């Protein structure tokens, strides 16, 4: 909670993006499917987005999450990213063939 405020000074609804490595430890894993499958989440380099919304219901956040996934596919295609046209969206998850291409979670926090 409050990551965008504490890290970047952005108070209220906000979105922060950056490039960097990723390694989600089991104790910080929220996605039940990944936990059940014991599927590690890690990448040497990826684009991160943290969106904090304080006046959204969880259902609205899930809709936004799916819209963000669709917009990501379209943006990658428009940028001419290699193999972007092969990306397929299933809910909020993107797949390149059978391999998961993104990490996406919408959750409520104590704020």
Protein backbone atom coordinates (compact mmCIF):
# COMPACT_ATOMS: atom_id res chain seq x y z
CA UNK A 1 0.00 0.00 0.00
CA UNK A 2 1.03 3.58 -0.79
CA UNK A 3 4.03 2.45 -2.86
CA UNK A 4 3.70 5.30 -5.35
CA UNK A 5 3.48 7.83 -2.53
CA UNK A 6 6.27 6.41 -0.39
CA UNK A 7 8.66 5.80 -3.32
CA UNK A 8 7.76 8.70 -5.64
CA UNK A 9 5.79 11.23 -3.59
CA UNK A 10 2.61 10.69 -5.66
CA UNK A 11 -0.41 11.07 -3.38
CA UNK A 12 -3.78 9.81 -4.59
CA UNK A 13 -4.62 7.87 -7.73
CA UNK A 14 -1.41 7.32 -9.70
CA UNK A 15 0.55 5.12 -12.06
CA UNK A 16 4.32 4.61 -11.99
CA UNK A 17 6.28 2.71 -14.64
CA UNK A 18 9.92 1.64 -14.89
CA UNK A 19 12.21 -1.01 -16.42
CA UNK A 20 14.19 -3.40 -14.31
CA UNK A 21 14.58 -6.95 -13.02
CA UNK A 22 11.86 -8.81 -11.14
CA UNK A 23 11.84 -11.65 -8.60
CA UNK A 24 8.69 -12.22 -6.56
CA UNK A 25 9.35 -14.29 -3.44
CA UNK A 26 6.79 -16.87 -2.30
CA UNK A 27 5.86 -14.81 0.77
CA UNK A 28 4.96 -11.85 -1.49
CA UNK A 29 3.12 -13.91 -4.11
CA UNK A 30 -0.58 -13.04 -4.28
CA UNK A 31 -1.72 -14.95 -7.37
CA UNK A 32 -3.35 -18.20 -6.26
CA UNK A 33 -2.76 -19.93 -9.62
CA UNK A 34 0.97 -19.27 -9.47
CA UNK A 35 1.11 -20.38 -5.84
CA UNK A 36 -0.74 -23.64 -6.55
CA UNK A 37 1.46 -24.34 -9.57
CA UNK A 38 4.59 -23.32 -7.61
CA UNK A 39 5.39 -21.22 -10.68
CA UNK A 40 8.21 -18.77 -9.94
CA UNK A 41 7.89 -15.18 -11.12
CA UNK A 42 11.22 -13.74 -12.24
CA UNK A 43 12.79 -11.90 -15.17
CA UNK A 44 16.14 -10.28 -15.84
CA UNK A 45 14.40 -7.27 -17.41
CA UNK A 46 10.77 -6.24 -17.63
CA UNK A 47 8.51 -3.21 -17.65
CA UNK A 48 6.74 -2.63 -14.32
CA UNK A 49 3.55 -0.67 -13.69
CA UNK A 50 2.15 0.05 -10.23
CA UNK A 51 -1.31 1.57 -10.41
CA UNK A 52 -2.83 2.78 -7.15
CA UNK A 53 -6.51 3.69 -7.15
CA UNK A 54 -8.26 4.74 -3.98
CA UNK A 55 -11.79 5.32 -5.27
CA UNK A 56 -12.17 2.13 -7.35
CA UNK A 57 -13.97 -1.06 -6.41
CA UNK A 58 -12.06 -4.30 -6.86
CA UNK A 59 -14.38 -5.17 -9.78
CA UNK A 60 -13.52 -1.88 -11.51
CA UNK A 61 -9.82 -2.50 -10.89
CA UNK A 62 -10.09 -5.94 -12.54
CA UNK A 63 -11.72 -4.36 -15.60
CA UNK A 64 -8.88 -1.81 -15.73
CA UNK A 65 -6.37 -4.64 -15.34
CA UNK A 66 -7.79 -6.42 -18.40
CA UNK A 67 -7.88 -3.18 -20.36
CA UNK A 68 -4.21 -2.60 -19.48
CA UNK A 69 -3.33 -6.08 -20.78
CA UNK A 70 -5.15 -5.42 -24.06
CA UNK A 71 -3.53 -1.98 -24.41
CA UNK A 72 -0.11 -3.57 -23.82
CA UNK A 73 -0.60 -5.99 -26.71
CA UNK A 74 -1.73 -3.19 -29.02
CA UNK A 75 1.15 -0.92 -27.99
CA UNK A 76 3.72 -3.67 -28.60
CA UNK A 77 2.21 -4.35 -32.04
CA UNK A 78 2.24 -0.64 -32.92
CA UNK A 79 5.87 -0.39 -31.84
CA UNK A 80 6.73 -3.31 -34.10
CA UNK A 81 7.94 -5.52 -31.26
CA UNK A 82 9.22 -8.88 -32.44
CA UNK A 83 6.45 -11.53 -32.26
CA UNK A 84 3.95 -9.09 -30.69
CA UNK A 85 1.23 -10.22 -33.11
CA UNK A 86 1.57 -13.72 -31.61
CA UNK A 87 0.53 -12.51 -28.14
CA UNK A 88 -2.85 -13.79 -26.97
CA UNK A 89 -4.82 -12.38 -24.03
CA UNK A 90 -6.76 -14.67 -21.68
CA UNK A 91 -8.43 -12.48 -19.08
CA UNK A 92 -5.63 -10.32 -17.70
CA UNK A 93 -2.86 -12.73 -18.70
CA UNK A 94 -0.85 -12.52 -21.91
CA UNK A 95 0.68 -15.60 -23.53
CA UNK A 96 3.30 -16.07 -26.21
CA UNK A 97 2.50 -19.58 -27.31
CA UNK A 98 2.04 -21.49 -24.05
CA UNK A 99 4.45 -19.29 -22.08
CA UNK A 100 3.06 -16.60 -19.81
CA UNK A 101 4.26 -13.18 -20.95
CA UNK A 102 3.12 -10.90 -18.12
CA UNK A 103 2.44 -10.69 -14.41
CA UNK A 104 -0.76 -8.96 -13.40
CA UNK A 105 -2.58 -8.72 -10.09
CA UNK A 106 -5.43 -6.57 -8.85
CA UNK A 107 -5.96 -6.59 -5.11
CA UNK A 108 -7.30 -4.46 -2.30
CA UNK A 109 -4.97 -3.23 0.38
CA UNK A 110 -5.65 -1.96 3.87
CA UNK A 111 -5.79 1.60 2.49
